[in-house]
Amino acid sequence: MNILITEPKDYSKKALDIYKKLGRVCFCLPRGASAKWGVKLLGQEKLADILVIGLKYQIDKKFLDQTPNLKIIASPVTGMNHIDLNYLKSKGIKLISLRGKKSFLRNVPSTAEETFALILALLRKLPWAFDSVKNSSWDRIEWRGHQLMNKTIGLLGFGRLGKIVARYAKAFNMNVIACDPNVSEKFMKSRGVEEVSMDELFKKSDIVSLHVLLTDDTQNLVKEKHLKLMKPSAYLINTARAELIEKDALYNALKNKWIAGAAVDVMWDEYSDGSHLKKDPLWNYAKKNNNLIILPHIGGATFEAMEVTQDFIAELVFKDFKNKKIA
C-alpha cells in the first residue's frame, strides 16, 4: 500500500504512525523542490493507493486518469470544490473528508477565529495603520476606525461556524441576525439570534459574514442585487468560499462604493502558485485601496487545527481499511 501525502513535512507524527501501519508513506513537494526532501507529485501519484491531500492541488479528471491504483482520497477539509466529485465516484474512488463530521468539528474554531480577526482588522484599519508605521508615520487620526459594540452582524449560514461567530459577536455586545433555511427560528432565538430573510440580512447588517457550505445549489448565492441592498457603511467578510458570491460582484460593490469594505480569505479559481491573482480584479483593487483585505485561504491553517484534523482523517482511513472496505 502506497500512501502519498501532499502536505508539509511537519505532518502530525500521530497521523504518520497510523498511515505507516498501512504501508509506505511518501511526501511530495511542489515542482522545483529539492528531491532529497520529497518526491514530486507528477509521476508519484501513479503509484498511490491512498492520496492525502488538502487544498493545494486540483483533483480533476486529468489528474484522476493518471492514478490507476488510487482507492482513497483523504482530505482533512470540509470544502470539496478542489475535487471533481462526480468523476471520483465514477472511478470508484472513496473520499474521506471532514464534511459532515459535526461532533469533531465543534472543537475546531480556527476559521471562526479568523473571521473575527478580519472583522477587527478591517473595521480598525489595522493592516494600513501598521504599513504607515513601517513608513515612519505616527498619525492616529488618519486610521480612525469603528467599534463593534451595538453594531449588527448578519450571518449568512448558521451552522457550526456561524454559531461560533455568533458567540464571539455577543461577547462584543453586538446584535446578531442570521439567515439559514436549515435552522429554525426557535433555535436561533435560543442563541439570542434574530432570524431574518436573506434580503433583510443584507439590508440591516453593519457586517455581513458568510458561513455557507459551497454546493451546486449555493454557488453564486450572493448576487450583485444583494450587495446593492447593503448600507454604504457596511462591510462584507468571506471566510467560506469565493464562489458563493457571483463572480466580480464584490469587485463591483467596492468599485462603486455600494459597501464600505470587505475582507476575504478566499478567491475564485484558487491555485497554490497564486496564478489566479492577476486574473482577479480584486487583487489589483486591494493594492490601490485601504478597504479590502485578501488572505491566502488560511482560515483552517493553524498548527492546532491542522494537527487534530490530520489525526482524525488518518484514523478514519485506518478504520476504513481495517473494515476491509478497500479492495
Protein backbone atom coordinates (compact mmCIF):
# COMPACT_ATOMS: atom_id res chain seq x y z
CA MET A 1 0.00 0.00 0.00
CA ASN A 2 1.45 3.38 -1.06
CA ILE A 3 0.29 6.49 0.80
CA LEU A 4 1.16 9.82 -0.81
CA ILE A 5 0.88 12.95 1.35
CA THR A 6 0.83 16.31 -0.41
CA GLU A 7 1.07 18.38 2.76
CA PRO A 8 4.15 19.85 4.54
CA LYS A 9 6.80 17.58 6.01
CA ASP A 10 5.90 18.65 9.56
CA TYR A 11 2.81 16.46 9.30
CA SER A 12 1.37 15.14 12.54
CA LYS A 13 3.56 12.34 13.91
CA LYS A 14 0.49 10.53 15.21
CA ALA A 15 -1.14 10.60 11.78
CA LEU A 16 2.08 9.42 10.11
CA ASP A 17 2.36 6.50 12.53
CA ILE A 18 -1.19 5.49 11.60
CA TYR A 19 -0.51 5.66 7.86
CA LYS A 20 2.73 3.71 8.27
CA LYS A 21 0.70 0.82 9.65
CA LEU A 22 -0.99 0.64 6.24
CA GLY A 23 2.11 0.80 4.07
CA ARG A 24 4.81 3.01 2.57
CA VAL A 25 4.41 6.75 3.18
CA CYS A 26 5.81 9.33 0.74
CA PHE A 27 5.67 13.11 0.69
CA CYS A 28 5.53 15.26 -2.39
CA LEU A 29 6.64 18.86 -2.78
CA PRO A 30 5.94 21.46 -5.46
CA ARG A 31 7.94 21.38 -8.67
CA GLY A 32 11.45 22.69 -8.19
CA ALA A 33 11.74 21.47 -4.60
CA SER A 34 14.88 19.57 -3.73
CA ALA A 35 14.46 15.86 -4.41
CA LYS A 36 16.09 14.90 -1.13
CA TRP A 37 13.16 16.41 0.77
CA GLY A 38 10.44 14.54 -1.03
CA VAL A 39 9.08 13.33 -4.33
CA LYS A 40 7.35 15.46 -6.92
CA LEU A 41 3.67 14.90 -7.37
CA LEU A 42 3.61 14.26 -11.10
CA GLY A 43 4.57 10.64 -11.65
CA GLN A 44 4.39 9.62 -8.00
CA GLU A 45 0.59 9.75 -7.95
CA LYS A 46 0.55 6.85 -10.42
CA LEU A 47 1.74 4.57 -7.60
CA ALA A 48 -0.54 5.91 -4.88
CA ASP A 49 -3.22 3.72 -3.33
CA ILE A 50 -4.14 6.45 -0.82
CA LEU A 51 -3.74 10.15 -1.54
CA VAL A 52 -3.77 12.54 1.43
CA ILE A 53 -4.44 16.00 0.06
CA GLY A 54 -5.55 19.43 1.27
CA LEU A 55 -6.37 22.44 -0.90
CA LYS A 56 -3.04 22.57 -2.70
CA TYR A 57 -3.95 20.66 -5.85
CA GLN A 58 -6.98 20.45 -8.15
CA ILE A 59 -8.14 16.83 -8.31
CA ASP A 60 -9.80 16.80 -11.72
CA LYS A 61 -10.38 14.25 -14.49
CA LYS A 62 -6.90 14.72 -15.92
CA PHE A 63 -5.32 14.03 -12.54
CA LEU A 64 -7.54 11.07 -11.72
CA ASP A 65 -6.85 9.43 -15.08
CA GLN A 66 -3.20 9.23 -14.00
CA THR A 67 -3.97 7.33 -10.78
CA PRO A 68 -4.79 3.72 -11.75
CA ASN A 69 -4.15 2.37 -8.24
CA LEU A 70 -5.96 5.04 -6.28
CA LYS A 71 -8.55 3.69 -3.85
CA ILE A 72 -8.95 6.52 -1.32
CA ILE A 73 -8.56 10.28 -1.29
CA ALA A 74 -8.26 11.57 2.28
CA SER A 75 -8.79 15.31 2.56
CA PRO A 76 -8.79 16.99 6.00
CA VAL A 77 -11.06 19.85 4.88
CA THR A 78 -14.81 20.48 4.60
CA GLY A 79 -14.91 22.24 1.22
CA MET A 80 -14.78 19.94 -1.80
CA ASN A 81 -14.58 22.36 -4.74
CA HIS A 82 -10.97 21.30 -5.40
CA ILE A 83 -12.16 17.76 -6.24
CA ASP A 84 -14.25 16.54 -9.18
CA LEU A 85 -16.67 14.55 -7.05
CA ASN A 86 -18.70 13.10 -9.91
CA TYR A 87 -15.67 11.73 -11.74
CA LEU A 88 -14.24 10.48 -8.47
CA LYS A 89 -17.41 8.47 -7.90
CA SER A 90 -17.38 7.11 -11.44
CA LYS A 91 -13.85 5.82 -10.86
CA GLY A 92 -14.93 4.06 -7.67
CA ILE A 93 -12.51 6.06 -5.54
CA LYS A 94 -13.63 6.68 -1.98
CA LEU A 95 -13.43 10.17 -0.47
CA ILE A 96 -12.80 10.59 3.25
CA SER A 97 -13.10 14.20 4.43
CA LEU A 98 -14.28 16.37 7.30
CA ARG A 99 -17.59 17.21 5.65
CA GLY A 100 -20.46 16.25 7.93
CA LYS A 101 -18.23 15.42 10.91
CA LYS A 102 -20.14 17.82 13.16
CA SER A 103 -19.19 16.42 16.55
CA PHE A 104 -15.49 16.53 15.76
CA LEU A 105 -15.55 19.93 14.06
CA ARG A 106 -17.29 21.55 17.00
CA ASN A 107 -13.88 21.80 18.65
CA VAL A 108 -12.08 23.26 15.62
CA PRO A 109 -12.80 27.02 15.75
CA SER A 110 -9.86 28.33 13.69
CA THR A 111 -11.91 29.70 10.79
CA ALA A 112 -14.39 31.38 13.15
CA GLU A 113 -11.47 32.99 14.99
CA GLU A 114 -10.06 34.19 11.67
CA THR A 115 -13.46 35.68 10.82
CA PHE A 116 -13.28 37.89 13.88
CA ALA A 117 -9.66 38.72 13.23
CA LEU A 118 -10.68 40.00 9.80
CA ILE A 119 -13.61 41.97 11.21
CA LEU A 120 -11.38 43.73 13.70
CA ALA A 121 -8.56 44.29 11.21
CA LEU A 122 -10.93 45.74 8.63
CA LEU A 123 -13.01 47.99 10.86
CA ARG A 124 -9.98 49.24 12.79
CA LYS A 125 -7.83 49.58 9.62
CA LEU A 126 -5.02 47.68 11.28
CA PRO A 127 -3.07 46.50 8.19
CA TRP A 128 -2.84 50.01 6.75
CA ALA A 129 -2.06 51.62 10.12
CA PHE A 130 0.84 49.19 10.50
CA ASP A 131 2.02 49.94 6.97
CA SER A 132 2.08 53.64 7.83
CA VAL A 133 4.19 52.98 10.94
CA LYS A 134 6.64 50.99 8.81
CA ASN A 135 6.94 54.13 6.71
CA SER A 136 7.81 56.20 9.83
CA SER A 137 4.35 57.75 10.25
CA TRP A 138 2.54 58.09 13.60
CA ASP A 139 -0.84 59.55 12.58
CA ARG A 140 -3.62 58.11 14.73
CA ILE A 141 -6.36 60.31 13.25
CA GLU A 142 -5.84 59.07 9.71
CA TRP A 143 -6.55 55.50 10.82
CA ARG A 144 -9.64 56.02 12.93
CA GLY A 145 -11.92 53.02 12.68
CA HIS A 146 -15.17 51.72 14.11
CA GLN A 147 -16.01 49.88 17.32
CA LEU A 148 -18.16 46.76 17.29
CA MET A 149 -20.44 47.48 20.25
CA ASN A 150 -24.08 47.87 19.13
CA LYS A 151 -23.24 47.04 15.53
CA THR A 152 -25.37 44.39 13.79
CA ILE A 153 -23.63 41.38 12.32
CA GLY A 154 -25.58 39.31 9.82
CA LEU A 155 -24.58 35.66 9.46
CA LEU A 156 -25.45 34.04 6.16
CA GLY A 157 -25.41 30.46 7.34
CA PHE A 158 -25.93 29.41 10.94
CA GLY A 159 -24.15 26.09 11.03
CA ARG A 160 -21.08 25.21 13.09
CA LEU A 161 -19.03 28.30 12.25
CA GLY A 162 -21.98 30.67 12.23
CA LYS A 163 -22.86 29.60 15.76
CA ILE A 164 -19.30 30.16 16.99
CA VAL A 165 -19.09 33.59 15.36
CA ALA A 166 -22.42 34.50 16.96
CA ARG A 167 -20.98 33.69 20.40
CA TYR A 168 -17.94 35.85 19.72
CA ALA A 169 -20.16 38.69 18.50
CA LYS A 170 -22.22 38.57 21.70
CA ALA A 171 -19.02 39.00 23.70
CA PHE A 172 -18.52 42.29 21.82
CA ASN A 173 -22.11 43.36 22.64
CA MET A 174 -23.17 43.14 19.01
CA ASN A 175 -26.64 42.44 17.68
CA VAL A 176 -26.74 39.17 15.75
CA ILE A 177 -29.12 38.29 12.94
CA ALA A 178 -28.93 35.23 10.71
CA CYS A 179 -30.39 33.57 7.65
CA ASP A 180 -30.30 29.80 7.25
CA PRO A 181 -33.22 27.77 5.82
CA ASN A 182 -31.96 24.69 7.65
CA VAL A 183 -32.13 26.23 11.12
CA SER A 184 -35.37 27.02 12.92
CA GLU A 185 -36.33 30.43 14.26
CA LYS A 186 -36.81 28.81 17.66
CA PHE A 187 -33.24 27.53 17.73
CA MET A 188 -31.80 30.88 16.65
CA LYS A 189 -33.85 32.64 19.29
CA SER A 190 -32.46 30.28 21.95
CA ARG A 191 -29.00 31.55 20.95
CA GLY A 192 -30.06 35.19 21.13
CA VAL A 193 -30.09 35.49 17.35
CA GLU A 194 -32.86 37.00 15.23
CA GLU A 195 -33.93 35.05 12.16
CA VAL A 196 -34.29 37.18 9.02
CA SER A 197 -34.67 36.67 5.28
CA MET A 198 -31.63 36.91 3.06
CA ASP A 199 -32.66 40.32 1.73
CA GLU A 200 -33.27 41.60 5.27
CA LEU A 201 -29.88 40.34 6.36
CA PHE A 202 -28.10 42.38 3.70
CA LYS A 203 -30.24 45.45 4.36
CA LYS A 204 -29.93 45.51 8.16
CA SER A 205 -26.36 44.40 8.79
CA ASP A 206 -23.36 46.58 9.50
CA ILE A 207 -21.25 43.49 8.84
CA VAL A 208 -22.29 40.51 6.70
CA SER A 209 -20.29 37.31 7.24
CA LEU A 210 -20.65 34.24 5.02
CA HIS A 211 -20.71 30.77 6.59
CA VAL A 212 -22.34 28.66 3.89
CA LEU A 213 -21.06 25.35 2.53
CA LEU A 214 -20.35 25.58 -1.19
CA THR A 215 -22.53 23.20 -3.24
CA ASP A 216 -24.12 23.32 -6.68
CA ASP A 217 -27.15 24.93 -5.02
CA THR A 218 -25.20 27.64 -3.20
CA GLN A 219 -22.76 28.66 -5.92
CA ASN A 220 -23.48 32.31 -6.86
CA LEU A 221 -25.88 32.51 -3.89
CA VAL A 222 -24.88 36.13 -3.21
CA LYS A 223 -25.55 38.30 -6.22
CA GLU A 224 -24.94 41.94 -7.08
CA LYS A 225 -28.52 42.73 -6.08
CA HIS A 226 -27.77 41.59 -2.51
CA LEU A 227 -24.66 43.76 -2.26
CA LYS A 228 -26.65 46.73 -3.54
CA LEU A 229 -29.01 46.23 -0.60
CA MET A 230 -26.21 46.79 1.90
CA LYS A 231 -25.62 50.06 3.69
CA PRO A 232 -22.82 52.17 2.17
CA SER A 233 -21.22 51.96 5.63
CA ALA A 234 -21.41 48.14 5.80
CA TYR A 235 -18.68 45.53 5.39
CA LEU A 236 -18.58 42.02 3.92
CA ILE A 237 -16.50 39.14 5.32
CA ASN A 238 -15.99 35.87 3.45
CA THR A 239 -14.02 33.02 5.01
CA ALA A 240 -16.13 30.32 3.31
CA ARG A 241 -15.71 30.07 -0.47
CA ALA A 242 -15.40 32.79 -3.10
CA GLU A 243 -17.81 31.01 -5.42
CA LEU A 244 -20.66 31.75 -3.02
CA ILE A 245 -20.56 35.28 -4.44
CA GLU A 246 -21.39 35.94 -8.07
CA LYS A 247 -18.13 36.48 -9.95
CA ASP A 248 -16.98 40.13 -9.96
CA ALA A 249 -19.97 41.19 -7.80
CA LEU A 250 -17.75 42.06 -4.83
CA TYR A 251 -15.36 43.99 -7.03
CA ASN A 252 -18.25 46.00 -8.45
CA ALA A 253 -19.60 46.66 -4.96
CA LEU A 254 -16.25 48.06 -3.82
CA LYS A 255 -15.53 49.99 -7.01
CA ASN A 256 -18.99 51.60 -6.98
CA LYS A 257 -18.90 52.21 -3.21
CA TRP A 258 -22.04 50.21 -2.54
CA ILE A 259 -20.26 48.98 0.61
CA ALA A 260 -17.51 50.40 2.83
CA GLY A 261 -15.10 47.49 2.58
CA ALA A 262 -14.51 43.75 2.60
CA ALA A 263 -12.16 41.08 3.90
CA VAL A 264 -11.84 37.71 2.19
CA ASP A 265 -9.82 34.57 2.80
CA VAL A 266 -10.87 33.00 -0.50
CA MET A 267 -10.87 33.82 -4.21
CA TRP A 268 -12.34 32.37 -7.39
CA ASP A 269 -10.32 29.63 -9.11
CA GLU A 270 -7.57 29.43 -6.49
CA TYR A 271 -4.19 27.91 -7.39
CA SER A 272 -1.37 27.28 -4.94
CA ASP A 273 1.12 29.17 -7.12
CA GLY A 274 -1.01 32.33 -6.94
CA SER A 275 -1.55 32.42 -10.70
CA HIS A 276 -5.22 33.21 -10.15
CA LEU A 277 -4.44 36.58 -8.55
CA LYS A 278 -3.60 38.52 -11.70
CA LYS A 279 -6.84 37.35 -13.30
CA ASP A 280 -8.97 38.70 -10.45
CA PRO A 281 -9.72 42.46 -10.35
CA LEU A 282 -9.97 42.28 -6.55
CA TRP A 283 -6.20 41.75 -6.35
CA ASN A 284 -5.40 44.99 -8.18
CA TYR A 285 -8.11 46.81 -6.23
CA ALA A 286 -6.58 45.71 -2.93
CA LYS A 287 -3.16 47.06 -3.91
CA LYS A 288 -4.58 50.53 -4.50
CA ASN A 289 -7.22 50.85 -1.76
CA ASN A 290 -7.40 50.69 2.03
CA ASN A 291 -10.70 48.89 2.42
CA LEU A 292 -10.06 45.35 1.15
CA ILE A 293 -8.08 42.59 2.87
CA ILE A 294 -7.24 39.39 0.96
CA LEU A 295 -5.67 36.39 2.70
CA PRO A 296 -4.41 33.14 1.08
CA HIS A 297 -7.11 30.76 2.37
CA ILE A 298 -5.62 30.40 5.86
CA GLY A 299 -8.83 30.01 7.86
CA GLY A 300 -8.05 26.48 8.96
CA ALA A 301 -4.28 26.88 8.76
CA THR A 302 -3.36 26.84 12.42
CA PHE A 303 -0.94 24.35 13.92
CA GLU A 304 -3.59 23.11 16.32
CA ALA A 305 -6.37 22.69 13.75
CA MET A 306 -4.14 21.02 11.19
CA GLU A 307 -2.75 18.54 13.69
CA VAL A 308 -6.09 17.37 15.06
CA THR A 309 -7.70 17.16 11.61
CA GLN A 310 -4.73 15.22 10.21
CA ASP A 311 -5.02 12.76 13.11
CA PHE A 312 -8.78 12.45 12.72
CA ILE A 313 -8.63 11.76 8.97
CA ALA A 314 -5.82 9.24 9.42
CA GLU A 315 -7.91 7.37 11.98
CA LEU A 316 -10.88 7.31 9.57
CA VAL A 317 -8.69 5.94 6.77
CA PHE A 318 -7.24 3.26 9.04
CA LYS A 319 -10.68 2.28 10.29
CA ASP A 320 -11.96 2.06 6.73
CA PHE A 321 -9.03 -0.15 5.76
CA LYS A 322 -9.45 -2.40 8.77
CA ASN A 323 -13.12 -2.81 7.92
CA LYS A 324 -11.95 -4.10 4.51
CA LYS A 325 -13.84 -1.52 2.56
CA ILE A 326 -10.78 -1.01 0.37
CA ALA A 327 -10.49 -3.50 -2.46
